[in-house]
Amino acid sequence: MELLDILTNANFWAAAVRIATPLIFGVLGALICERAGVLNLGIEGIFTAGAMAGWMAVWLGAGLGGGVLAAALTGAAFGLIHATLTVPMGLSQHVSGLGVTMLATSAAYFAYRTALPDVSSPPRITPFQPMDVPLLSDIPLLGPALFQQTALTWLAFAMTALVWWALARTPLGVALRAAGDNPDAVDAQGLSVYGLRMGAVTAGSALMGVGGAFLTMSAFDAFFFGMVNGRGWICIALVIFASWRPGKALLGALLFGAFDAFQVRLQTAYGGQVPGQLFLMAPYLLSILALVLAARRAEYPRALLVPWFKGQR
């Protein structure tokens, strides 16, 4: 009966959406990169750098909008590094991505220690506040989950719709998907495969940076080491679960958010009877199971991880 109480509690679903929000930004960013044929394993570091840049910008007086912009530009900058190494230079996407993760994470920690060398606890900022939508926020379950969230959560949902529309309904989206499936055909049409892939990685990484900023500017009000806690790697897995489709990516992020919120409440209810580590493992084990089931039917971009050089067949 207690499990049913959890699932019918509005606070549970509101927490699930909050947990899912940075994952939505991250999985959309990774999806855009991979649709163009580039795997971006730099996401974990870009999350960290975006979280740091957004928080630092707000702390220095740029405002919340300036913080989001700073996080997006930081993510785009690291994405451009990854794109330059992997697209025109054709270097290993795995190695470059892991290198970007280490570079971005180290740069974020170095910037923090340089700016605040003698601070034992990070300064607090005023983060985004939840905003109620009149009438809609009073809807049972759905109201608190969707209409009592911060502006960044609504932005995440809006970006899902925008990415779906851009990939499925615009010439740019068609060209980008073709760059990840058949780059020779794109080149034959007189379009730049390099430009499409580098633009996709840069734009996708900007979204990843905003996902990191959610942690410091909405979920919390400060930056601290280790706060990303593997969310980037979860996003990489969710792209496969989603079969590279924005709608299913949103569903996957919400599903993981629900798993995570559920285990927190199970710890509260049964923590004295079952080791806490089992609860912490649960959302990851369930995500792996969902990933295995979905991956069997997933249709990969055919040129994913395949370097392309103009003039070579």
Protein backbone atom coordinates (compact mmCIF):
# COMPACT_ATOMS: atom_id res chain seq x y z
CA MET A 1 0.00 0.00 0.00
CA GLU A 2 2.89 2.34 0.77
CA LEU A 3 4.21 1.92 -2.77
CA LEU A 4 0.86 3.01 -4.14
CA ASP A 5 0.95 6.05 -1.88
CA ILE A 6 4.30 7.04 -3.36
CA LEU A 7 3.10 6.69 -6.95
CA THR A 8 -0.04 8.73 -6.31
CA ASN A 9 1.81 11.52 -4.51
CA ALA A 10 2.13 14.78 -6.47
CA ASN A 11 5.48 15.57 -4.84
CA PHE A 12 6.92 12.33 -6.22
CA TRP A 13 6.09 13.26 -9.81
CA ALA A 14 7.31 16.82 -9.33
CA ALA A 15 10.62 15.45 -8.06
CA ALA A 16 10.83 13.05 -11.01
CA VAL A 17 10.49 15.95 -13.46
CA ARG A 18 13.15 17.98 -11.61
CA ILE A 19 15.59 15.07 -11.67
CA ALA A 20 14.87 14.49 -15.36
CA THR A 21 15.38 18.11 -16.46
CA PRO A 22 19.21 18.14 -16.78
CA LEU A 23 19.01 14.73 -18.45
CA ILE A 24 16.57 16.13 -21.03
CA PHE A 25 19.05 18.85 -22.01
CA GLY A 26 21.92 16.36 -22.06
CA VAL A 27 20.19 13.65 -24.06
CA LEU A 28 18.92 16.16 -26.63
CA GLY A 29 22.45 17.50 -27.03
CA ALA A 30 23.92 14.02 -27.41
CA LEU A 31 21.14 13.09 -29.85
CA ILE A 32 21.91 16.06 -32.10
CA CYS A 33 25.62 15.17 -32.14
CA GLU A 34 25.00 11.51 -32.92
CA ARG A 35 22.37 12.21 -35.55
CA ALA A 36 25.12 14.01 -37.43
CA GLY A 37 27.47 11.05 -37.00
CA VAL A 38 29.62 12.19 -34.04
CA LEU A 39 29.68 10.52 -30.63
CA ASN A 40 30.31 13.11 -27.90
CA LEU A 41 31.74 11.48 -24.79
CA GLY A 42 32.73 14.92 -23.55
CA ILE A 43 29.24 15.34 -22.09
CA GLU A 44 30.21 14.60 -18.48
CA GLY A 45 32.87 17.31 -18.50
CA ILE A 46 30.64 19.73 -20.42
CA PHE A 47 27.96 19.27 -17.76
CA THR A 48 30.53 20.18 -15.10
CA ALA A 49 31.87 23.19 -17.01
CA GLY A 50 28.34 24.43 -17.74
CA ALA A 51 27.37 24.10 -14.09
CA MET A 52 30.46 26.06 -13.06
CA ALA A 53 30.13 28.75 -15.74
CA GLY A 54 26.44 29.37 -15.08
CA TRP A 55 26.89 29.61 -11.32
CA MET A 56 29.98 31.82 -11.62
CA ALA A 57 28.26 34.19 -14.06
CA VAL A 58 25.32 34.66 -11.70
CA TRP A 59 27.63 35.10 -8.70
CA LEU A 60 29.53 37.82 -10.61
CA GLY A 61 26.28 39.66 -11.28
CA ALA A 62 25.27 38.56 -14.79
CA GLY A 63 21.79 37.49 -13.69
CA LEU A 64 20.07 34.17 -14.27
CA GLY A 65 19.65 34.75 -18.01
CA GLY A 66 23.32 35.64 -18.27
CA GLY A 67 24.19 32.48 -16.37
CA VAL A 68 22.26 30.31 -18.83
CA LEU A 69 23.97 32.07 -21.75
CA ALA A 70 27.40 31.63 -20.15
CA ALA A 71 26.75 27.91 -19.64
CA ALA A 72 25.59 27.49 -23.25
CA LEU A 73 28.63 29.31 -24.62
CA THR A 74 30.96 27.27 -22.41
CA GLY A 75 29.39 24.04 -23.63
CA ALA A 76 29.60 25.23 -27.23
CA ALA A 77 33.30 26.08 -26.82
CA PHE A 78 34.19 22.60 -25.59
CA GLY A 79 31.94 21.11 -28.27
CA LEU A 80 33.84 23.06 -30.90
CA ILE A 81 37.11 21.59 -29.62
CA HIS A 82 35.68 18.08 -29.89
CA ALA A 83 34.22 18.80 -33.34
CA THR A 84 37.52 20.19 -34.65
CA LEU A 85 39.42 17.12 -33.51
CA THR A 86 36.93 14.56 -34.80
CA VAL A 87 35.38 16.04 -37.95
CA PRO A 88 38.02 17.68 -40.21
CA MET A 89 40.94 15.95 -38.44
CA GLY A 90 39.20 12.58 -38.19
CA LEU A 91 40.63 11.64 -34.80
CA SER A 92 39.06 8.97 -32.59
CA GLN A 93 35.72 10.20 -31.28
CA HIS A 94 36.08 8.08 -28.15
CA VAL A 95 39.51 9.39 -27.24
CA SER A 96 38.66 13.00 -28.08
CA GLY A 97 35.43 12.86 -26.08
CA LEU A 98 37.12 11.44 -23.01
CA GLY A 99 39.85 14.06 -23.38
CA VAL A 100 37.25 16.83 -23.50
CA THR A 101 35.60 15.42 -20.37
CA MET A 102 38.90 15.54 -18.49
CA LEU A 103 39.78 18.99 -19.87
CA ALA A 104 36.39 20.54 -19.11
CA THR A 105 36.18 19.03 -15.62
CA SER A 106 39.70 20.10 -14.74
CA ALA A 107 39.15 23.59 -16.17
CA ALA A 108 35.98 24.00 -14.10
CA TYR A 109 37.69 22.93 -10.88
CA PHE A 110 40.75 25.08 -11.64
CA ALA A 111 38.57 28.14 -12.31
CA TYR A 112 36.72 27.58 -9.05
CA ARG A 113 39.90 27.27 -7.00
CA THR A 114 41.46 30.27 -8.75
CA ALA A 115 38.44 32.49 -8.18
CA LEU A 116 37.83 31.30 -4.61
CA PRO A 117 41.15 30.07 -3.22
CA ASP A 118 40.34 30.58 0.46
CA VAL A 119 36.65 29.60 0.52
CA SER A 120 35.75 26.36 2.28
CA SER A 121 32.11 26.39 1.13
CA PRO A 122 30.91 27.92 -2.17
CA PRO A 123 28.95 31.19 -2.11
CA ARG A 124 25.22 30.86 -2.60
CA ILE A 125 23.25 32.46 -5.42
CA THR A 126 19.54 33.09 -5.85
CA PRO A 127 18.48 30.32 -8.24
CA PHE A 128 15.46 30.06 -10.52
CA GLN A 129 12.28 29.79 -8.47
CA PRO A 130 9.30 27.52 -9.25
CA MET A 131 6.49 29.38 -10.97
CA ASP A 132 2.84 28.46 -10.63
CA VAL A 133 0.59 28.57 -13.67
CA PRO A 134 -2.87 29.70 -12.51
CA LEU A 135 -5.53 26.96 -12.70
CA LEU A 136 -3.18 24.48 -14.39
CA SER A 137 -1.03 24.08 -11.27
CA ASP A 138 -4.13 22.93 -9.36
CA ILE A 139 -4.65 19.85 -11.56
CA PRO A 140 -4.12 16.72 -9.41
CA LEU A 141 -0.69 15.07 -9.98
CA LEU A 142 -0.11 16.76 -13.34
CA GLY A 143 -0.31 20.29 -11.97
CA PRO A 144 2.57 20.14 -9.44
CA ALA A 145 4.65 17.97 -11.77
CA LEU A 146 4.50 20.27 -14.80
CA PHE A 147 3.16 23.65 -13.76
CA GLN A 148 5.05 24.30 -10.53
CA GLN A 149 8.53 24.04 -12.02
CA THR A 150 11.27 26.52 -12.82
CA ALA A 151 11.75 28.23 -16.17
CA LEU A 152 14.60 25.86 -17.09
CA THR A 153 12.31 22.84 -16.84
CA TRP A 154 9.84 24.47 -19.20
CA LEU A 155 12.73 25.35 -21.48
CA ALA A 156 13.75 21.69 -21.53
CA PHE A 157 10.28 20.65 -22.71
CA ALA A 158 10.24 23.43 -25.29
CA MET A 159 13.65 22.35 -26.60
CA THR A 160 12.37 18.79 -27.02
CA ALA A 161 9.61 20.03 -29.29
CA LEU A 162 11.99 22.35 -31.14
CA VAL A 163 14.60 19.64 -31.75
CA TRP A 164 11.91 17.23 -32.97
CA TRP A 165 10.53 19.85 -35.35
CA ALA A 166 13.97 20.89 -36.61
CA LEU A 167 15.12 17.31 -37.27
CA ALA A 168 11.89 16.07 -38.81
CA ARG A 169 10.40 19.08 -40.56
CA THR A 170 13.18 21.37 -41.77
CA PRO A 171 15.70 21.06 -44.62
CA LEU A 172 18.51 21.64 -42.13
CA GLY A 173 17.31 18.71 -40.04
CA VAL A 174 17.08 16.45 -43.08
CA ALA A 175 20.61 17.42 -44.11
CA LEU A 176 21.92 16.85 -40.59
CA ARG A 177 20.37 13.39 -40.40
CA ALA A 178 21.80 12.59 -43.83
CA ALA A 179 25.26 13.61 -42.59
CA GLY A 180 24.94 10.88 -39.97
CA ASP A 181 23.61 8.28 -42.40
CA ASN A 182 25.17 8.95 -45.80
CA PRO A 183 27.66 11.84 -45.83
CA ASP A 184 28.66 11.12 -49.43
CA ALA A 185 25.09 11.90 -50.53
CA VAL A 186 25.22 15.17 -48.59
CA ASP A 187 28.47 16.10 -50.29
CA ALA A 188 27.01 15.20 -53.68
CA GLN A 189 24.26 17.74 -53.08
CA GLY A 190 26.86 20.46 -52.61
CA LEU A 191 26.38 20.72 -48.84
CA SER A 192 29.23 20.82 -46.34
CA VAL A 193 29.46 17.63 -44.29
CA TYR A 194 32.12 19.29 -42.13
CA GLY A 195 29.91 22.31 -41.49
CA LEU A 196 26.86 20.22 -40.62
CA ARG A 197 28.72 17.93 -38.26
CA MET A 198 30.69 20.68 -36.54
CA GLY A 199 27.55 22.81 -36.17
CA ALA A 200 25.61 19.88 -34.72
CA VAL A 201 28.31 19.06 -32.16
CA THR A 202 28.65 22.70 -31.16
CA ALA A 203 24.89 23.20 -30.79
CA GLY A 204 24.43 19.90 -28.99
CA SER A 205 27.21 20.74 -26.57
CA ALA A 206 25.58 24.10 -25.83
CA LEU A 207 22.48 22.20 -24.69
CA MET A 208 24.67 19.99 -22.52
CA GLY A 209 26.12 23.10 -20.89
CA VAL A 210 22.62 24.35 -20.06
CA GLY A 211 21.86 20.94 -18.55
CA GLY A 212 24.81 21.40 -16.23
CA ALA A 213 23.66 24.93 -15.38
CA PHE A 214 20.31 23.53 -14.18
CA LEU A 215 22.15 21.82 -11.34
CA THR A 216 23.65 25.03 -9.96
CA MET A 217 20.94 27.50 -10.98
CA SER A 218 17.74 25.55 -10.33
CA ALA A 219 18.26 22.28 -8.46
CA PHE A 220 20.85 23.80 -6.08
CA ASP A 221 22.22 27.27 -5.46
CA ALA A 222 25.97 26.61 -5.52
CA PHE A 223 28.70 24.71 -7.35
CA PHE A 224 30.49 21.83 -5.65
CA PHE A 225 32.82 19.09 -6.84
CA GLY A 226 31.23 15.86 -8.02
CA MET A 227 27.75 17.32 -8.40
CA VAL A 228 27.28 15.99 -11.95
CA ASN A 229 27.66 12.46 -10.58
CA GLY A 230 27.55 10.49 -13.84
CA ARG A 231 24.54 12.22 -15.38
CA GLY A 232 26.41 12.66 -18.65
CA TRP A 233 26.98 8.93 -19.04
CA ILE A 234 23.30 8.30 -18.34
CA CYS A 235 22.45 10.65 -21.22
CA ILE A 236 24.65 8.65 -23.61
CA ALA A 237 22.72 5.51 -22.68
CA LEU A 238 19.37 7.28 -22.98
CA VAL A 239 20.11 8.24 -26.59
CA ILE A 240 20.29 4.55 -27.47
CA PHE A 241 17.15 3.84 -25.44
CA ALA A 242 15.41 6.61 -27.40
CA SER A 243 16.54 5.23 -30.78
CA TRP A 244 17.75 8.76 -31.58
CA ARG A 245 14.22 10.22 -31.38
CA PRO A 246 13.55 13.37 -29.29
CA GLY A 247 10.14 12.20 -28.05
CA LYS A 248 11.50 8.91 -26.74
CA ALA A 249 14.51 10.77 -25.33
CA LEU A 250 12.13 12.85 -23.23
CA LEU A 251 10.34 9.70 -22.10
CA GLY A 252 13.62 8.02 -21.17
CA ALA A 253 14.78 11.00 -19.10
CA LEU A 254 11.46 11.13 -17.26
CA LEU A 255 11.59 7.38 -16.68
CA PHE A 256 15.05 7.62 -15.11
CA GLY A 257 13.91 10.62 -13.05
CA ALA A 258 10.98 8.57 -11.75
CA PHE A 259 13.27 5.64 -10.89
CA ASP A 260 15.61 7.95 -8.98
CA ALA A 261 12.83 9.74 -7.11
CA PHE A 262 11.28 6.37 -6.29
CA GLN A 263 14.45 4.96 -4.74
CA VAL A 264 14.82 8.02 -2.51
CA ARG A 265 11.36 7.45 -1.11
CA LEU A 266 11.95 3.73 -0.73
CA GLN A 267 15.04 4.50 1.33
CA THR A 268 12.92 6.64 3.61
CA ALA A 269 10.30 3.92 3.96
CA TYR A 270 12.50 0.80 4.15
CA GLY A 271 16.03 2.13 4.74
CA GLY A 272 16.32 0.44 8.10
CA GLN A 273 15.47 -2.96 6.67
CA VAL A 274 17.41 -3.03 3.37
CA PRO A 275 20.99 -1.77 2.68
CA GLY A 276 20.90 1.71 1.17
CA GLN A 277 23.26 0.73 -1.64
CA LEU A 278 20.55 -1.47 -3.15
CA PHE A 279 18.25 1.52 -3.44
CA LEU A 280 21.00 3.62 -5.01
CA MET A 281 21.65 0.88 -7.59
CA ALA A 282 18.00 0.45 -8.52
CA PRO A 283 17.54 3.32 -11.05
CA TYR A 284 20.76 2.36 -12.85
CA LEU A 285 19.88 -1.34 -12.99
CA LEU A 286 16.41 -0.55 -14.30
CA SER A 287 17.91 1.83 -16.85
CA ILE A 288 20.33 -0.87 -18.04
CA LEU A 289 17.43 -3.30 -18.41
CA ALA A 290 15.40 -0.78 -20.41
CA LEU A 291 18.47 0.00 -22.52
CA VAL A 292 19.08 -3.67 -23.34
CA LEU A 293 15.47 -4.16 -24.38
CA ALA A 294 15.39 -1.00 -26.50
CA ALA A 295 18.83 -1.43 -28.10
CA ARG A 296 17.78 -4.66 -29.81
CA ARG A 297 15.40 -2.66 -32.02
CA ALA A 298 17.40 0.57 -32.28
CA GLU A 299 18.31 1.89 -35.73
CA TYR A 300 21.75 3.47 -35.47
CA PRO A 301 22.86 6.36 -37.68
CA ARG A 302 24.86 4.39 -40.23
CA ALA A 303 27.82 6.78 -40.32
CA LEU A 304 28.06 7.20 -36.53
CA LEU A 305 31.72 7.05 -35.44
CA VAL A 306 32.85 6.85 -39.07
CA PRO A 307 35.29 9.65 -40.07
CA TRP A 308 34.57 11.29 -43.41
CA PHE A 309 37.07 13.09 -45.62
CA LYS A 310 36.12 15.07 -48.70
CA GLY A 311 37.17 13.37 -51.93
CA GLN A 312 37.56 9.91 -50.36
CA ARG A 313 35.10 7.08 -51.00
